[in-house]
């Protein structure tokens, strides 16, 4: 269930409570500034007291669409070496699925792609990415469960370089910014990739 469906379920059949709506939008990771813009837009309407959840969802969609570039910047390969994209974020936000979607997009654009299963803490994450790699039709580098993610990224980069792969997508474990050890692990991955190609991940 996506966050708009959750929103609809939460507010259907009852008047909009502004504080509850604000909390729900922030919890959905829209950010404070976008949330406040959406609420301001809704409150500026003449008949705001009669608003229903359908009006809120339309306003959310419009604000998200406004914040996206009308002409997305093309993703280019870096200096003849593999362009490295590190997929990061908190737990449960769809990183693995997004990695697969990005791989599909790049492959459709006739780019070569290699996936790296750098979420080595969850065996299910490795298997999930493997399923996606097969569906999309790209290769995947995997390590043992519990392996060092930085070492896996190193191996994946070397493989991508050797096989003249244009894009290396590294799917990493979910992490909160307050988890010091997980953030240190992310920094280690970044340092490892930067040693192989200054500026990586791109």
C-alpha atoms as a PDB file:
ATOM      1  CA  UNK A   1       0.000   0.000   0.000  1.00  0.00           C
ATOM      2  CA  UNK A   2       1.520   3.363  -0.997  1.00  0.00           C
ATOM      3  CA  UNK A   3       1.317   6.423   1.218  1.00  0.00           C
ATOM      4  CA  UNK A   4      -1.585   7.999  -0.741  1.00  0.00           C
ATOM      5  CA  UNK A   5      -3.671   4.871  -0.187  1.00  0.00           C
ATOM      6  CA  UNK A   6      -2.741   4.957   3.505  1.00  0.00           C
ATOM      7  CA  UNK A   7      -3.739   8.623   3.622  1.00  0.00           C
ATOM      8  CA  UNK A   8      -7.084   7.878   1.973  1.00  0.00           C
ATOM      9  CA  UNK A   9      -7.751   5.068   4.441  1.00  0.00           C
ATOM     10  CA  UNK A  10      -6.855   7.270   7.415  1.00  0.00           C
ATOM     11  CA  UNK A  11      -9.079  10.238   6.470  1.00  0.00           C
ATOM     12  CA  UNK A  12     -11.969   8.785   4.455  1.00  0.00           C
ATOM     13  CA  UNK A  13     -15.380   9.682   5.838  1.00  0.00           C
ATOM     14  CA  UNK A  14     -14.243  12.301   8.336  1.00  0.00           C
ATOM     15  CA  UNK A  15     -13.343  16.007   8.325  1.00  0.00           C
ATOM     16  CA  UNK A  16      -9.701  16.913   7.786  1.00  0.00           C
ATOM     17  CA  UNK A  17      -7.821  17.538  11.026  1.00  0.00           C
ATOM     18  CA  UNK A  18      -4.885  19.806  10.085  1.00  0.00           C
ATOM     19  CA  UNK A  19      -2.518  18.585  12.815  1.00  0.00           C
ATOM     20  CA  UNK A  20      -3.240  14.948  12.010  1.00  0.00           C
ATOM     21  CA  UNK A  21      -2.760  15.627   8.285  1.00  0.00           C
ATOM     22  CA  UNK A  22       0.528  17.461   8.890  1.00  0.00           C
ATOM     23  CA  UNK A  23       1.818  14.556  10.972  1.00  0.00           C
ATOM     24  CA  UNK A  24       0.738  11.993   8.336  1.00  0.00           C
ATOM     25  CA  UNK A  25       2.463  13.887   5.494  1.00  0.00           C
ATOM     26  CA  UNK A  26       5.705  14.332   7.440  1.00  0.00           C
ATOM     27  CA  UNK A  27       5.620  10.663   8.451  1.00  0.00           C
ATOM     28  CA  UNK A  28       5.297   9.827   4.735  1.00  0.00           C
ATOM     29  CA  UNK A  29       8.699  11.518   4.189  1.00  0.00           C
ATOM     30  CA  UNK A  30       7.393  14.483   2.193  1.00  0.00           C
ATOM     31  CA  UNK A  31       9.486  16.763   4.375  1.00  0.00           C
ATOM     32  CA  UNK A  32       8.421  19.738   6.459  1.00  0.00           C
ATOM     33  CA  UNK A  33       8.609  22.414   3.742  1.00  0.00           C
ATOM     34  CA  UNK A  34       6.555  20.448   1.195  1.00  0.00           C
ATOM     35  CA  UNK A  35       4.051  19.454   3.879  1.00  0.00           C
ATOM     36  CA  UNK A  36       3.568  23.097   4.886  1.00  0.00           C
ATOM     37  CA  UNK A  37       3.139  24.147   1.232  1.00  0.00           C
ATOM     38  CA  UNK A  38       0.427  21.508   0.750  1.00  0.00           C
ATOM     39  CA  UNK A  39      -1.416  22.551   3.912  1.00  0.00           C
ATOM     40  CA  UNK A  40      -1.167  26.262   3.012  1.00  0.00           C
ATOM     41  CA  UNK A  41      -2.549  25.538  -0.467  1.00  0.00           C
ATOM     42  CA  UNK A  42      -5.499  23.667   1.025  1.00  0.00           C
ATOM     43  CA  UNK A  43      -6.198  26.267   3.723  1.00  0.00           C
ATOM     44  CA  UNK A  44      -6.217  29.094   1.157  1.00  0.00           C
ATOM     45  CA  UNK A  45      -9.245  27.595  -0.574  1.00  0.00           C
ATOM     46  CA  UNK A  46     -12.524  29.359   0.112  1.00  0.00           C
ATOM     47  CA  UNK A  47     -14.368  26.188   1.072  1.00  0.00           C
ATOM     48  CA  UNK A  48     -11.521  24.579   3.017  1.00  0.00           C
ATOM     49  CA  UNK A  49     -13.920  23.500   5.777  1.00  0.00           C
ATOM     50  CA  UNK A  50     -15.616  21.212   3.231  1.00  0.00           C
ATOM     51  CA  UNK A  51     -12.384  19.576   2.055  1.00  0.00           C
ATOM     52  CA  UNK A  52     -12.314  15.824   1.754  1.00  0.00           C
ATOM     53  CA  UNK A  53      -9.409  13.431   1.394  1.00  0.00           C
ATOM     54  CA  UNK A  54      -9.760  13.378  -2.418  1.00  0.00           C
ATOM     55  CA  UNK A  55      -8.927  17.113  -2.463  1.00  0.00           C
ATOM     56  CA  UNK A  56      -5.895  16.499  -0.245  1.00  0.00           C
ATOM     57  CA  UNK A  57      -4.582  13.724  -2.493  1.00  0.00           C
ATOM     58  CA  UNK A  58      -4.949  15.965  -5.577  1.00  0.00           C
ATOM     59  CA  UNK A  59      -2.998  18.723  -3.794  1.00  0.00           C
ATOM     60  CA  UNK A  60      -0.260  16.271  -2.731  1.00  0.00           C
ATOM     61  CA  UNK A  61       0.111  14.947  -6.286  1.00  0.00           C
ATOM     62  CA  UNK A  62       0.222  18.486  -7.717  1.00  0.00           C
ATOM     63  CA  UNK A  63       2.897  19.607  -5.224  1.00  0.00           C
ATOM     64  CA  UNK A  64       5.065  16.542  -5.880  1.00  0.00           C
ATOM     65  CA  UNK A  65       4.723  17.074  -9.653  1.00  0.00           C
ATOM     66  CA  UNK A  66       5.685  20.755  -9.228  1.00  0.00           C
ATOM     67  CA  UNK A  67       8.826  19.817  -7.325  1.00  0.00           C
ATOM     68  CA  UNK A  68      10.073  17.445 -10.042  1.00  0.00           C
ATOM     69  CA  UNK A  69      12.034  18.827 -13.000  1.00  0.00           C
ATOM     70  CA  UNK A  70      10.042  19.007 -16.237  1.00  0.00           C
ATOM     71  CA  UNK A  71      13.098  17.748 -18.124  1.00  0.00           C
ATOM     72  CA  UNK A  72      15.041  15.288 -15.947  1.00  0.00           C
ATOM     73  CA  UNK A  73      18.818  15.498 -16.248  1.00  0.00           C
ATOM     74  CA  UNK A  74      20.089  12.513 -18.253  1.00  0.00           C
ATOM     75  CA  UNK A  75      22.271  10.042 -16.374  1.00  0.00           C
ATOM     76  CA  UNK A  76      25.659   9.793 -18.067  1.00  0.00           C
ATOM     77  CA  UNK A  77      28.534   7.402 -17.736  1.00  0.00           C
ATOM     78  CA  UNK A  78      31.510   8.907 -15.924  1.00  0.00           C
ATOM     79  CA  UNK A  79      34.809   9.400 -17.817  1.00  0.00           C
ATOM     80  CA  UNK A  80      34.829   6.017 -19.557  1.00  0.00           C
ATOM     81  CA  UNK A  81      34.620   4.165 -16.240  1.00  0.00           C
ATOM     82  CA  UNK A  82      31.519   2.665 -14.643  1.00  0.00           C
ATOM     83  CA  UNK A  83      29.181   5.290 -13.208  1.00  0.00           C
ATOM     84  CA  UNK A  84      28.505   4.181  -9.636  1.00  0.00           C
ATOM     85  CA  UNK A  85      25.153   4.819  -7.980  1.00  0.00           C
ATOM     86  CA  UNK A  86      24.812   3.952  -4.294  1.00  0.00           C
ATOM     87  CA  UNK A  87      21.161   3.385  -3.335  1.00  0.00           C
ATOM     88  CA  UNK A  88      20.691   4.505   0.294  1.00  0.00           C
ATOM     89  CA  UNK A  89      17.798   5.285   2.625  1.00  0.00           C
ATOM     90  CA  UNK A  90      15.910   4.230   5.717  1.00  0.00           C
ATOM     91  CA  UNK A  91      14.402   0.775   6.135  1.00  0.00           C
ATOM     92  CA  UNK A  92      11.335  -0.159   4.124  1.00  0.00           C
ATOM     93  CA  UNK A  93      11.386   2.712   1.621  1.00  0.00           C
ATOM     94  CA  UNK A  94      11.678   0.548  -1.495  1.00  0.00           C
ATOM     95  CA  UNK A  95      15.409   0.806  -2.212  1.00  0.00           C
ATOM     96  CA  UNK A  96      15.681  -2.655  -3.778  1.00  0.00           C
ATOM     97  CA  UNK A  97      12.629  -2.131  -5.990  1.00  0.00           C
ATOM     98  CA  UNK A  98      13.927   1.324  -6.969  1.00  0.00           C
ATOM     99  CA  UNK A  99      17.298  -0.226  -7.838  1.00  0.00           C
ATOM    100  CA  UNK A 100      15.523  -2.650 -10.179  1.00  0.00           C
ATOM    101  CA  UNK A 101      13.456   0.148 -11.747  1.00  0.00           C
ATOM    102  CA  UNK A 102      16.590   2.205 -12.357  1.00  0.00           C
ATOM    103  CA  UNK A 103      18.330  -0.830 -13.881  1.00  0.00           C
ATOM    104  CA  UNK A 104      15.333  -1.366 -16.166  1.00  0.00           C
ATOM    105  CA  UNK A 105      15.332   2.323 -17.179  1.00  0.00           C
ATOM    106  CA  UNK A 106      19.057   2.275 -18.004  1.00  0.00           C
ATOM    107  CA  UNK A 107      18.848  -1.021 -19.878  1.00  0.00           C
ATOM    108  CA  UNK A 108      15.913   0.276 -21.922  1.00  0.00           C
ATOM    109  CA  UNK A 109      18.156   3.243 -22.774  1.00  0.00           C
ATOM    110  CA  UNK A 110      20.709   0.716 -24.156  1.00  0.00           C
ATOM    111  CA  UNK A 111      23.104   1.087 -21.222  1.00  0.00           C
ATOM    112  CA  UNK A 112      24.885  -1.879 -19.644  1.00  0.00           C
ATOM    113  CA  UNK A 113      24.151  -2.376 -15.942  1.00  0.00           C
ATOM    114  CA  UNK A 114      25.587  -4.432 -13.094  1.00  0.00           C
ATOM    115  CA  UNK A 115      23.826  -4.762  -9.733  1.00  0.00           C
ATOM    116  CA  UNK A 116      25.643  -5.207  -6.419  1.00  0.00           C
ATOM    117  CA  UNK A 117      23.727  -6.755  -3.508  1.00  0.00           C
ATOM    118  CA  UNK A 118      25.438  -4.661  -0.817  1.00  0.00           C
ATOM    119  CA  UNK A 119      22.676  -5.236   1.751  1.00  0.00           C
ATOM    120  CA  UNK A 120      24.495  -8.227   3.196  1.00  0.00           C
ATOM    121  CA  UNK A 121      22.671  -8.190   6.535  1.00  0.00           C
ATOM    122  CA  UNK A 122      19.414  -9.575   5.166  1.00  0.00           C
ATOM    123  CA  UNK A 123      19.546 -12.788   3.177  1.00  0.00           C
ATOM    124  CA  UNK A 124      16.059 -11.930   1.888  1.00  0.00           C
ATOM    125  CA  UNK A 125      17.375  -8.659   0.413  1.00  0.00           C
ATOM    126  CA  UNK A 126      20.027 -10.528  -1.578  1.00  0.00           C
ATOM    127  CA  UNK A 127      17.419 -12.985  -2.869  1.00  0.00           C
ATOM    128  CA  UNK A 128      14.984 -10.177  -3.703  1.00  0.00           C
ATOM    129  CA  UNK A 129      17.602  -8.323  -5.754  1.00  0.00           C
ATOM    130  CA  UNK A 130      18.538 -11.589  -7.485  1.00  0.00           C
ATOM    131  CA  UNK A 131      14.903 -12.069  -8.555  1.00  0.00           C
ATOM    132  CA  UNK A 132      14.803  -8.505  -9.900  1.00  0.00           C
ATOM    133  CA  UNK A 133      18.135  -8.914 -11.720  1.00  0.00           C
ATOM    134  CA  UNK A 134      16.771 -11.964 -13.536  1.00  0.00           C
ATOM    135  CA  UNK A 135      13.518 -10.181 -14.412  1.00  0.00           C
ATOM    136  CA  UNK A 136      15.320  -7.125 -15.752  1.00  0.00           C
ATOM    137  CA  UNK A 137      17.971  -9.241 -17.479  1.00  0.00           C
ATOM    138  CA  UNK A 138      21.127  -7.877 -15.848  1.00  0.00           C
ATOM    139  CA  UNK A 139      24.004  -9.482 -13.941  1.00  0.00           C
ATOM    140  CA  UNK A 140      24.354  -9.235 -10.176  1.00  0.00           C
ATOM    141  CA  UNK A 141      27.338  -9.510  -7.823  1.00  0.00           C
ATOM    142  CA  UNK A 142      26.478 -11.090  -4.492  1.00  0.00           C
ATOM    143  CA  UNK A 143      28.459 -12.008  -1.415  1.00  0.00           C
ATOM    144  CA  UNK A 144      27.942 -14.245   1.557  1.00  0.00           C
ATOM    145  CA  UNK A 145      25.310 -13.298   4.111  1.00  0.00           C
ATOM    146  CA  UNK A 146      27.029 -11.007   6.648  1.00  0.00           C
ATOM    147  CA  UNK A 147      29.922 -10.148   4.300  1.00  0.00           C
ATOM    148  CA  UNK A 148      31.574  -6.711   4.340  1.00  0.00           C
ATOM    149  CA  UNK A 149      29.471  -4.459   2.032  1.00  0.00           C
ATOM    150  CA  UNK A 150      32.491  -2.269   1.194  1.00  0.00           C
ATOM    151  CA  UNK A 151      34.451  -5.319   0.014  1.00  0.00           C
ATOM    152  CA  UNK A 152      31.462  -6.395  -2.071  1.00  0.00           C
ATOM    153  CA  UNK A 153      31.261  -2.930  -3.681  1.00  0.00           C
ATOM    154  CA  UNK A 154      35.005  -3.180  -4.418  1.00  0.00           C
ATOM    155  CA  UNK A 155      34.566  -6.548  -6.151  1.00  0.00           C
ATOM    156  CA  UNK A 156      31.514  -5.297  -8.050  1.00  0.00           C
ATOM    157  CA  UNK A 157      33.388  -2.217  -9.295  1.00  0.00           C
ATOM    158  CA  UNK A 158      36.334  -4.328 -10.477  1.00  0.00           C
ATOM    159  CA  UNK A 159      33.935  -6.629 -12.319  1.00  0.00           C
ATOM    160  CA  UNK A 160      32.119  -3.675 -13.911  1.00  0.00           C
ATOM    161  CA  UNK A 161      35.428  -2.129 -15.002  1.00  0.00           C
ATOM    162  CA  UNK A 162      36.763  -5.403 -16.426  1.00  0.00           C
ATOM    163  CA  UNK A 163      33.552  -6.072 -18.371  1.00  0.00           C
ATOM    164  CA  UNK A 164      33.170  -2.448 -19.564  1.00  0.00           C
ATOM    165  CA  UNK A 165      29.844  -2.056 -17.745  1.00  0.00           C
ATOM    166  CA  UNK A 166      28.509   1.489 -17.915  1.00  0.00           C
ATOM    167  CA  UNK A 167      26.496   1.599 -14.660  1.00  0.00           C
ATOM    168  CA  UNK A 168      27.059  -0.091 -11.310  1.00  0.00           C
ATOM    169  CA  UNK A 169      24.048   0.105  -8.975  1.00  0.00           C
ATOM    170  CA  UNK A 170      24.809  -0.810  -5.352  1.00  0.00           C
ATOM    171  CA  UNK A 171      21.739  -1.695  -3.275  1.00  0.00           C
ATOM    172  CA  UNK A 172      22.614  -1.039   0.387  1.00  0.00           C
ATOM    173  CA  UNK A 173      21.024  -1.918   3.725  1.00  0.00           C
ATOM    174  CA  UNK A 174      18.405   0.395   5.198  1.00  0.00           C
ATOM    175  CA  UNK A 175      19.777   2.676   7.896  1.00  0.00           C
ATOM    176  CA  UNK A 176      18.731   5.538  10.144  1.00  0.00           C
ATOM    177  CA  UNK A 177      21.135   8.479  10.338  1.00  0.00           C
ATOM    178  CA  UNK A 178      21.227   8.003  14.128  1.00  0.00           C
ATOM    179  CA  UNK A 179      22.793   4.517  13.856  1.00  0.00           C
ATOM    180  CA  UNK A 180      26.489   5.355  14.143  1.00  0.00           C
ATOM    181  CA  UNK A 181      27.824   1.941  13.113  1.00  0.00           C
ATOM    182  CA  UNK A 182      25.646   1.779   9.990  1.00  0.00           C
ATOM    183  CA  UNK A 183      26.581   5.320   8.961  1.00  0.00           C
ATOM    184  CA  UNK A 184      30.269   4.429   9.458  1.00  0.00           C
ATOM    185  CA  UNK A 185      29.732   1.417   7.196  1.00  0.00           C
ATOM    186  CA  UNK A 186      28.233   3.700   4.533  1.00  0.00           C
ATOM    187  CA  UNK A 187      31.271   5.994   4.779  1.00  0.00           C
ATOM    188  CA  UNK A 188      33.534   2.959   4.345  1.00  0.00           C
ATOM    189  CA  UNK A 189      31.689   2.002   1.136  1.00  0.00           C
ATOM    190  CA  UNK A 190      32.070   5.551  -0.143  1.00  0.00           C
ATOM    191  CA  UNK A 191      35.807   5.646   0.697  1.00  0.00           C
ATOM    192  CA  UNK A 192      36.357   2.272  -0.990  1.00  0.00           C
ATOM    193  CA  UNK A 193      34.637   3.381  -4.195  1.00  0.00           C
ATOM    194  CA  UNK A 194      36.375   6.770  -4.142  1.00  0.00           C
ATOM    195  CA  UNK A 195      39.781   5.038  -4.058  1.00  0.00           C
ATOM    196  CA  UNK A 196      38.840   3.093  -7.182  1.00  0.00           C
ATOM    197  CA  UNK A 197      37.508   6.169  -8.979  1.00  0.00           C
ATOM    198  CA  UNK A 198      37.831   9.610  -7.339  1.00  0.00           C
ATOM    199  CA  UNK A 199      34.352  11.089  -7.121  1.00  0.00           C
ATOM    200  CA  UNK A 200      32.575   7.731  -6.918  1.00  0.00           C
ATOM    201  CA  UNK A 201      29.828   7.116  -6.067  1.00  0.00           C
ATOM    202  CA  UNK A 202      28.532   9.545  -8.644  1.00  0.00           C
END
